[in-house]
Amino acid sequence: MQIGFILFTVIIAYLLGSVPSSVWVGRIFYNLDVREHGSGNAGTTNTFRVLGVKAGIVVFILDAAKGWLAASLVYMSNSLEPGTNSFVTLSIILGSAAVVGHIFPIYVGFRGGKGVATLFGVVMSIHLQAALLALAVFVVILLISRYVSLSSMLAGISFPIITIAVFKTTLLSLVIFSIVISLLLLVTHQHNILRLIRREESKANLFRRKKRD
């Protein structure tokens, strides 16, 4: 495979990931920047917290779509066979570029979110069934606890278990990727973990709409 093709698709994936869904939704429909409220992150978790469930779902879908589209750019290659380790590896690389774009978006001063929803979109592109089961874990925990951060972490931890134990994948790149995801989510949510322990973590604004100014 040509290096030029890889570089081109990585750049496109990064630009896709950089689309600041939560910032634009907040500015256009609520006349505020979510980065100036709540945790200060431009992501799904803070959108749920600041703008409510309706805006949170919209941003979640948009952010997940970024990851899915980025990881799916691998299908532009004519030299890789779908389902092979090389195919999955490139898909992971492209998806990772989108996550980096979400965390450091070029369009809004490199101040983004944690990339959880975008990462979910990447996982959905690579292993749809495992992604849907992880999403089910997220939804159940969210409805019970109303903590988006806790739901994200537990869904992330469930992903390698689902991938390895339930679907018994033999692709080394996917096994490594699933384990890295769970560890990454724990690392990026360190402050949330501390707030959860101190019972200071904000709960999602479920089932009621955030009032406009």
C-alpha atoms as a PDB file:
ATOM      1  CA  MET A   1       0.000   0.000   0.000  1.00  0.00           C
ATOM      2  CA  GLN A   2       1.256   3.468  -0.857  1.00  0.00           C
ATOM      3  CA  ILE A   3       2.387   5.712   1.989  1.00  0.00           C
ATOM      4  CA  GLY A   4       0.721   8.637   0.232  1.00  0.00           C
ATOM      5  CA  PHE A   5      -2.687   6.956   0.498  1.00  0.00           C
ATOM      6  CA  ILE A   6      -2.224   6.316   4.213  1.00  0.00           C
ATOM      7  CA  LEU A   7      -1.144   9.902   4.910  1.00  0.00           C
ATOM      8  CA  PHE A   8      -4.024  11.296   2.851  1.00  0.00           C
ATOM      9  CA  THR A   9      -6.666   9.228   4.642  1.00  0.00           C
ATOM     10  CA  VAL A  10      -5.142   9.961   8.064  1.00  0.00           C
ATOM     11  CA  ILE A  11      -5.395  13.710   7.371  1.00  0.00           C
ATOM     12  CA  ILE A  12      -9.013  13.343   6.217  1.00  0.00           C
ATOM     13  CA  ALA A  13      -9.793  11.282   9.324  1.00  0.00           C
ATOM     14  CA  TYR A  14      -8.266  13.951  11.570  1.00  0.00           C
ATOM     15  CA  LEU A  15     -10.284  16.709   9.881  1.00  0.00           C
ATOM     16  CA  LEU A  16     -13.470  14.660  10.284  1.00  0.00           C
ATOM     17  CA  GLY A  17     -12.728  14.159  13.954  1.00  0.00           C
ATOM     18  CA  SER A  18     -12.086  17.874  14.389  1.00  0.00           C
ATOM     19  CA  VAL A  19     -15.687  18.811  13.585  1.00  0.00           C
ATOM     20  CA  PRO A  20     -16.788  20.307  16.968  1.00  0.00           C
ATOM     21  CA  SER A  21     -20.338  18.982  17.201  1.00  0.00           C
ATOM     22  CA  SER A  22     -21.005  20.025  20.795  1.00  0.00           C
ATOM     23  CA  VAL A  23     -19.566  23.514  20.316  1.00  0.00           C
ATOM     24  CA  TRP A  24     -21.643  24.182  17.207  1.00  0.00           C
ATOM     25  CA  VAL A  25     -24.845  22.715  18.673  1.00  0.00           C
ATOM     26  CA  GLY A  26     -24.380  24.810  21.815  1.00  0.00           C
ATOM     27  CA  ARG A  27     -23.658  28.012  19.935  1.00  0.00           C
ATOM     28  CA  ILE A  28     -26.378  27.637  17.290  1.00  0.00           C
ATOM     29  CA  PHE A  29     -29.279  26.318  19.381  1.00  0.00           C
ATOM     30  CA  TYR A  30     -28.461  27.398  22.946  1.00  0.00           C
ATOM     31  CA  ASN A  31     -26.322  30.507  22.470  1.00  0.00           C
ATOM     32  CA  LEU A  32     -23.514  29.180  24.670  1.00  0.00           C
ATOM     33  CA  ASP A  33     -20.174  27.409  24.432  1.00  0.00           C
ATOM     34  CA  VAL A  34     -20.258  24.135  26.365  1.00  0.00           C
ATOM     35  CA  ARG A  35     -16.526  24.535  27.025  1.00  0.00           C
ATOM     36  CA  GLU A  36     -17.358  27.441  29.328  1.00  0.00           C
ATOM     37  CA  HIS A  37     -19.714  25.359  31.470  1.00  0.00           C
ATOM     38  CA  GLY A  38     -19.670  22.090  33.385  1.00  0.00           C
ATOM     39  CA  SER A  39     -16.375  20.237  33.042  1.00  0.00           C
ATOM     40  CA  GLY A  40     -15.191  22.520  30.237  1.00  0.00           C
ATOM     41  CA  ASN A  41     -14.928  19.676  27.724  1.00  0.00           C
ATOM     42  CA  ALA A  42     -16.397  19.845  24.231  1.00  0.00           C
ATOM     43  CA  GLY A  43     -17.843  16.360  24.196  1.00  0.00           C
ATOM     44  CA  THR A  44     -20.942  14.251  24.669  1.00  0.00           C
ATOM     45  CA  THR A  45     -20.557  13.894  28.433  1.00  0.00           C
ATOM     46  CA  ASN A  46     -20.464  17.632  29.068  1.00  0.00           C
ATOM     47  CA  THR A  47     -23.249  18.222  26.552  1.00  0.00           C
ATOM     48  CA  PHE A  48     -25.538  15.873  28.491  1.00  0.00           C
ATOM     49  CA  ARG A  49     -24.536  17.652  31.679  1.00  0.00           C
ATOM     50  CA  VAL A  50     -24.933  21.230  30.396  1.00  0.00           C
ATOM     51  CA  LEU A  51     -27.550  21.104  27.629  1.00  0.00           C
ATOM     52  CA  GLY A  52     -29.613  18.071  28.583  1.00  0.00           C
ATOM     53  CA  VAL A  53     -30.490  14.714  27.096  1.00  0.00           C
ATOM     54  CA  LYS A  54     -31.886  15.928  23.754  1.00  0.00           C
ATOM     55  CA  ALA A  55     -28.758  17.866  22.807  1.00  0.00           C
ATOM     56  CA  GLY A  56     -26.610  15.120  24.305  1.00  0.00           C
ATOM     57  CA  ILE A  57     -28.124  12.474  22.045  1.00  0.00           C
ATOM     58  CA  VAL A  58     -27.684  14.671  18.961  1.00  0.00           C
ATOM     59  CA  VAL A  59     -24.032  15.352  19.783  1.00  0.00           C
ATOM     60  CA  PHE A  60     -23.449  11.680  20.593  1.00  0.00           C
ATOM     61  CA  ILE A  61     -24.767  10.645  17.171  1.00  0.00           C
ATOM     62  CA  LEU A  62     -22.727  13.305  15.359  1.00  0.00           C
ATOM     63  CA  ASP A  63     -19.525  12.482  17.237  1.00  0.00           C
ATOM     64  CA  ALA A  64     -19.997   8.744  16.733  1.00  0.00           C
ATOM     65  CA  ALA A  65     -20.601   9.344  13.023  1.00  0.00           C
ATOM     66  CA  LYS A  66     -17.225  11.097  12.790  1.00  0.00           C
ATOM     67  CA  GLY A  67     -15.454   8.044  14.148  1.00  0.00           C
ATOM     68  CA  TRP A  68     -17.434   5.644  11.981  1.00  0.00           C
ATOM     69  CA  LEU A  69     -16.737   7.607   8.797  1.00  0.00           C
ATOM     70  CA  ALA A  70     -13.044   7.984   9.607  1.00  0.00           C
ATOM     71  CA  ALA A  71     -12.515   4.284  10.336  1.00  0.00           C
ATOM     72  CA  SER A  72     -14.511   3.385   7.222  1.00  0.00           C
ATOM     73  CA  LEU A  73     -12.066   5.284   4.991  1.00  0.00           C
ATOM     74  CA  VAL A  74     -10.100   2.025   4.942  1.00  0.00           C
ATOM     75  CA  TYR A  75     -12.582   0.761   2.349  1.00  0.00           C
ATOM     76  CA  MET A  76     -11.044   3.209  -0.130  1.00  0.00           C
ATOM     77  CA  SER A  77      -8.036   0.877  -0.298  1.00  0.00           C
ATOM     78  CA  ASN A  78      -7.972  -1.633  -3.133  1.00  0.00           C
ATOM     79  CA  SER A  79      -5.067  -3.617  -1.708  1.00  0.00           C
ATOM     80  CA  LEU A  80      -6.487  -4.689   1.656  1.00  0.00           C
ATOM     81  CA  GLU A  81      -8.929  -7.525   2.223  1.00  0.00           C
ATOM     82  CA  PRO A  82     -11.740  -6.718   4.698  1.00  0.00           C
ATOM     83  CA  GLY A  83     -11.490  -8.732   7.894  1.00  0.00           C
ATOM     84  CA  THR A  84      -7.730  -9.204   7.740  1.00  0.00           C
ATOM     85  CA  ASN A  85      -5.369  -7.990  10.438  1.00  0.00           C
ATOM     86  CA  SER A  86      -3.862  -5.355   8.100  1.00  0.00           C
ATOM     87  CA  PHE A  87      -7.320  -4.058   7.184  1.00  0.00           C
ATOM     88  CA  VAL A  88      -8.377  -3.749  10.823  1.00  0.00           C
ATOM     89  CA  THR A  89      -5.050  -2.168  11.767  1.00  0.00           C
ATOM     90  CA  LEU A  90      -5.430   0.623   9.205  1.00  0.00           C
ATOM     91  CA  SER A  91      -9.036   1.141  10.277  1.00  0.00           C
ATOM     92  CA  ILE A  92      -7.837   1.537  13.871  1.00  0.00           C
ATOM     93  CA  ILE A  93      -5.170   4.036  12.774  1.00  0.00           C
ATOM     94  CA  LEU A  94      -7.732   6.115  10.878  1.00  0.00           C
ATOM     95  CA  GLY A  95     -10.189   5.967  13.758  1.00  0.00           C
ATOM     96  CA  SER A  96      -7.455   7.016  16.166  1.00  0.00           C
ATOM     97  CA  ALA A  97      -6.714  10.026  13.956  1.00  0.00           C
ATOM     98  CA  ALA A  98     -10.375  11.033  14.260  1.00  0.00           C
ATOM     99  CA  VAL A  99     -10.233  10.698  18.050  1.00  0.00           C
ATOM    100  CA  VAL A 100      -7.118  12.894  18.108  1.00  0.00           C
ATOM    101  CA  GLY A 101      -9.017  15.392  15.968  1.00  0.00           C
ATOM    102  CA  HIS A 102     -11.900  15.385  18.439  1.00  0.00           C
ATOM    103  CA  ILE A 103      -9.572  15.964  21.384  1.00  0.00           C
ATOM    104  CA  PHE A 104      -7.525  18.613  19.536  1.00  0.00           C
ATOM    105  CA  PRO A 105      -9.924  20.106  16.935  1.00  0.00           C
ATOM    106  CA  ILE A 106      -8.252  22.438  14.482  1.00  0.00           C
ATOM    107  CA  TYR A 107     -11.485  24.388  13.888  1.00  0.00           C
ATOM    108  CA  VAL A 108     -11.934  25.682  17.461  1.00  0.00           C
ATOM    109  CA  GLY A 109      -8.489  26.303  18.865  1.00  0.00           C
ATOM    110  CA  PHE A 110      -7.561  22.669  19.618  1.00  0.00           C
ATOM    111  CA  ARG A 111      -9.876  22.582  22.669  1.00  0.00           C
ATOM    112  CA  GLY A 112     -12.064  19.521  22.337  1.00  0.00           C
ATOM    113  CA  GLY A 113     -13.495  16.656  24.345  1.00  0.00           C
ATOM    114  CA  LYS A 114     -12.320  13.261  25.517  1.00  0.00           C
ATOM    115  CA  GLY A 115     -13.342  11.396  22.379  1.00  0.00           C
ATOM    116  CA  VAL A 116     -15.585   8.752  23.938  1.00  0.00           C
ATOM    117  CA  ALA A 117     -18.447   9.027  21.431  1.00  0.00           C
ATOM    118  CA  THR A 118     -16.028   9.322  18.507  1.00  0.00           C
ATOM    119  CA  LEU A 119     -14.216   6.248  19.778  1.00  0.00           C
ATOM    120  CA  PHE A 120     -17.545   4.431  19.929  1.00  0.00           C
ATOM    121  CA  GLY A 121     -18.098   5.251  16.261  1.00  0.00           C
ATOM    122  CA  VAL A 122     -14.687   3.783  15.462  1.00  0.00           C
ATOM    123  CA  VAL A 123     -15.554   0.610  17.365  1.00  0.00           C
ATOM    124  CA  MET A 124     -18.911   0.458  15.585  1.00  0.00           C
ATOM    125  CA  SER A 125     -17.151   0.518  12.218  1.00  0.00           C
ATOM    126  CA  ILE A 126     -14.679  -2.191  13.224  1.00  0.00           C
ATOM    127  CA  HIS A 127     -16.953  -4.536  15.236  1.00  0.00           C
ATOM    128  CA  LEU A 128     -20.619  -3.511  15.158  1.00  0.00           C
ATOM    129  CA  GLN A 129     -21.983  -6.267  17.409  1.00  0.00           C
ATOM    130  CA  ALA A 130     -19.456  -5.616  20.181  1.00  0.00           C
ATOM    131  CA  ALA A 131     -20.096  -1.875  19.900  1.00  0.00           C
ATOM    132  CA  LEU A 132     -23.849  -2.333  20.334  1.00  0.00           C
ATOM    133  CA  LEU A 133     -23.378  -4.508  23.419  1.00  0.00           C
ATOM    134  CA  ALA A 134     -21.017  -1.904  24.900  1.00  0.00           C
ATOM    135  CA  LEU A 135     -23.623   0.761  24.100  1.00  0.00           C
ATOM    136  CA  ALA A 136     -26.231  -1.287  25.966  1.00  0.00           C
ATOM    137  CA  VAL A 137     -23.926  -1.306  29.003  1.00  0.00           C
ATOM    138  CA  PHE A 138     -23.562   2.482  28.695  1.00  0.00           C
ATOM    139  CA  VAL A 139     -27.321   3.075  28.507  1.00  0.00           C
ATOM    140  CA  VAL A 140     -28.166   0.786  31.431  1.00  0.00           C
ATOM    141  CA  ILE A 141     -25.541   2.347  33.704  1.00  0.00           C
ATOM    142  CA  LEU A 142     -26.584   5.856  32.642  1.00  0.00           C
ATOM    143  CA  LEU A 143     -30.251   5.227  33.406  1.00  0.00           C
ATOM    144  CA  ILE A 144     -29.366   3.771  36.795  1.00  0.00           C
ATOM    145  CA  SER A 145     -26.702   6.252  37.908  1.00  0.00           C
ATOM    146  CA  ARG A 146     -27.163   9.314  35.649  1.00  0.00           C
ATOM    147  CA  TYR A 147     -23.351   9.582  35.603  1.00  0.00           C
ATOM    148  CA  VAL A 148     -22.205   9.805  31.970  1.00  0.00           C
ATOM    149  CA  SER A 149     -18.558   9.481  32.979  1.00  0.00           C
ATOM    150  CA  LEU A 150     -19.175   6.278  34.945  1.00  0.00           C
ATOM    151  CA  SER A 151     -21.269   4.887  32.097  1.00  0.00           C
ATOM    152  CA  SER A 152     -18.493   5.640  29.600  1.00  0.00           C
ATOM    153  CA  MET A 153     -15.821   3.971  31.718  1.00  0.00           C
ATOM    154  CA  LEU A 154     -17.832   0.824  32.391  1.00  0.00           C
ATOM    155  CA  ALA A 155     -18.813   0.547  28.732  1.00  0.00           C
ATOM    156  CA  GLY A 156     -15.138   0.875  27.808  1.00  0.00           C
ATOM    157  CA  ILE A 157     -14.123  -1.784  30.311  1.00  0.00           C
ATOM    158  CA  SER A 158     -16.822  -4.104  28.955  1.00  0.00           C
ATOM    159  CA  PHE A 159     -15.554  -3.811  25.369  1.00  0.00           C
ATOM    160  CA  PRO A 160     -12.454  -6.057  25.639  1.00  0.00           C
ATOM    161  CA  ILE A 161     -14.493  -8.558  27.663  1.00  0.00           C
ATOM    162  CA  ILE A 162     -17.181  -8.593  24.982  1.00  0.00           C
ATOM    163  CA  THR A 163     -14.649  -8.770  22.144  1.00  0.00           C
ATOM    164  CA  ILE A 164     -12.481 -11.507  23.636  1.00  0.00           C
ATOM    165  CA  ALA A 165     -14.867 -13.571  25.770  1.00  0.00           C
ATOM    166  CA  VAL A 166     -18.153 -13.223  23.875  1.00  0.00           C
ATOM    167  CA  PHE A 167     -17.070 -12.977  20.241  1.00  0.00           C
ATOM    168  CA  LYS A 168     -13.728 -14.776  20.723  1.00  0.00           C
ATOM    169  CA  THR A 169     -11.891 -12.618  18.183  1.00  0.00           C
ATOM    170  CA  THR A 170      -8.533 -13.890  16.931  1.00  0.00           C
ATOM    171  CA  LEU A 171      -7.377 -10.632  15.352  1.00  0.00           C
ATOM    172  CA  LEU A 172      -4.403  -9.444  17.400  1.00  0.00           C
ATOM    173  CA  SER A 173      -4.865  -5.801  16.405  1.00  0.00           C
ATOM    174  CA  LEU A 174      -8.486  -5.833  17.607  1.00  0.00           C
ATOM    175  CA  VAL A 175      -7.600  -7.528  20.899  1.00  0.00           C
ATOM    176  CA  ILE A 176      -4.890  -4.950  21.609  1.00  0.00           C
ATOM    177  CA  PHE A 177      -7.177  -2.112  20.519  1.00  0.00           C
ATOM    178  CA  SER A 178      -9.984  -3.225  22.843  1.00  0.00           C
ATOM    179  CA  ILE A 179      -7.651  -3.408  25.840  1.00  0.00           C
ATOM    180  CA  VAL A 180      -6.074  -0.034  25.043  1.00  0.00           C
ATOM    181  CA  ILE A 181      -9.544   1.537  24.828  1.00  0.00           C
ATOM    182  CA  SER A 182     -10.479   0.441  28.342  1.00  0.00           C
ATOM    183  CA  LEU A 183      -7.184   1.693  29.776  1.00  0.00           C
ATOM    184  CA  LEU A 184      -7.385   4.968  27.842  1.00  0.00           C
ATOM    185  CA  LEU A 185     -10.862   5.723  29.141  1.00  0.00           C
ATOM    186  CA  LEU A 186      -9.710   5.187  32.714  1.00  0.00           C
ATOM    187  CA  VAL A 187      -6.736   7.504  32.176  1.00  0.00           C
ATOM    188  CA  THR A 188      -8.767  10.264  30.526  1.00  0.00           C
ATOM    189  CA  HIS A 189     -11.400  10.100  33.262  1.00  0.00           C
ATOM    190  CA  GLN A 190      -9.031  10.420  36.225  1.00  0.00           C
ATOM    191  CA  HIS A 191     -10.618  13.651  37.420  1.00  0.00           C
ATOM    192  CA  ASN A 192     -14.090  12.158  37.009  1.00  0.00           C
ATOM    193  CA  ILE A 193     -13.057   9.150  39.108  1.00  0.00           C
ATOM    194  CA  LEU A 194     -11.884  11.450  41.895  1.00  0.00           C
ATOM    195  CA  ARG A 195     -15.122  13.439  41.738  1.00  0.00           C
ATOM    196  CA  LEU A 196     -17.139  10.210  41.832  1.00  0.00           C
ATOM    197  CA  ILE A 197     -15.243   9.064  44.921  1.00  0.00           C
ATOM    198  CA  ARG A 198     -15.871  12.430  46.592  1.00  0.00           C
ATOM    199  CA  ARG A 199     -19.483  12.376  45.353  1.00  0.00           C
ATOM    200  CA  GLU A 200     -18.919  15.664  43.561  1.00  0.00           C
ATOM    201  CA  GLU A 201     -19.492  14.440  39.995  1.00  0.00           C
ATOM    202  CA  SER A 202     -22.392  16.152  38.224  1.00  0.00           C
ATOM    203  CA  LYS A 203     -25.248  13.965  37.034  1.00  0.00           C
ATOM    204  CA  ALA A 204     -26.705  14.094  33.536  1.00  0.00           C
ATOM    205  CA  ASN A 205     -29.702  16.337  32.987  1.00  0.00           C
ATOM    206  CA  LEU A 206     -31.944  13.429  31.918  1.00  0.00           C
ATOM    207  CA  PHE A 207     -35.572  13.778  30.884  1.00  0.00           C
ATOM    208  CA  ARG A 208     -35.699  17.527  31.162  1.00  0.00           C
ATOM    209  CA  ARG A 209     -34.724  20.074  28.591  1.00  0.00           C
ATOM    210  CA  LYS A 210     -32.117  22.749  29.242  1.00  0.00           C
ATOM    211  CA  LYS A 211     -33.757  26.160  29.056  1.00  0.00           C
ATOM    212  CA  ARG A 212     -32.400  28.637  26.556  1.00  0.00           C
ATOM    213  CA  ASP A 213     -31.099  31.956  27.726  1.00  0.00           C
END
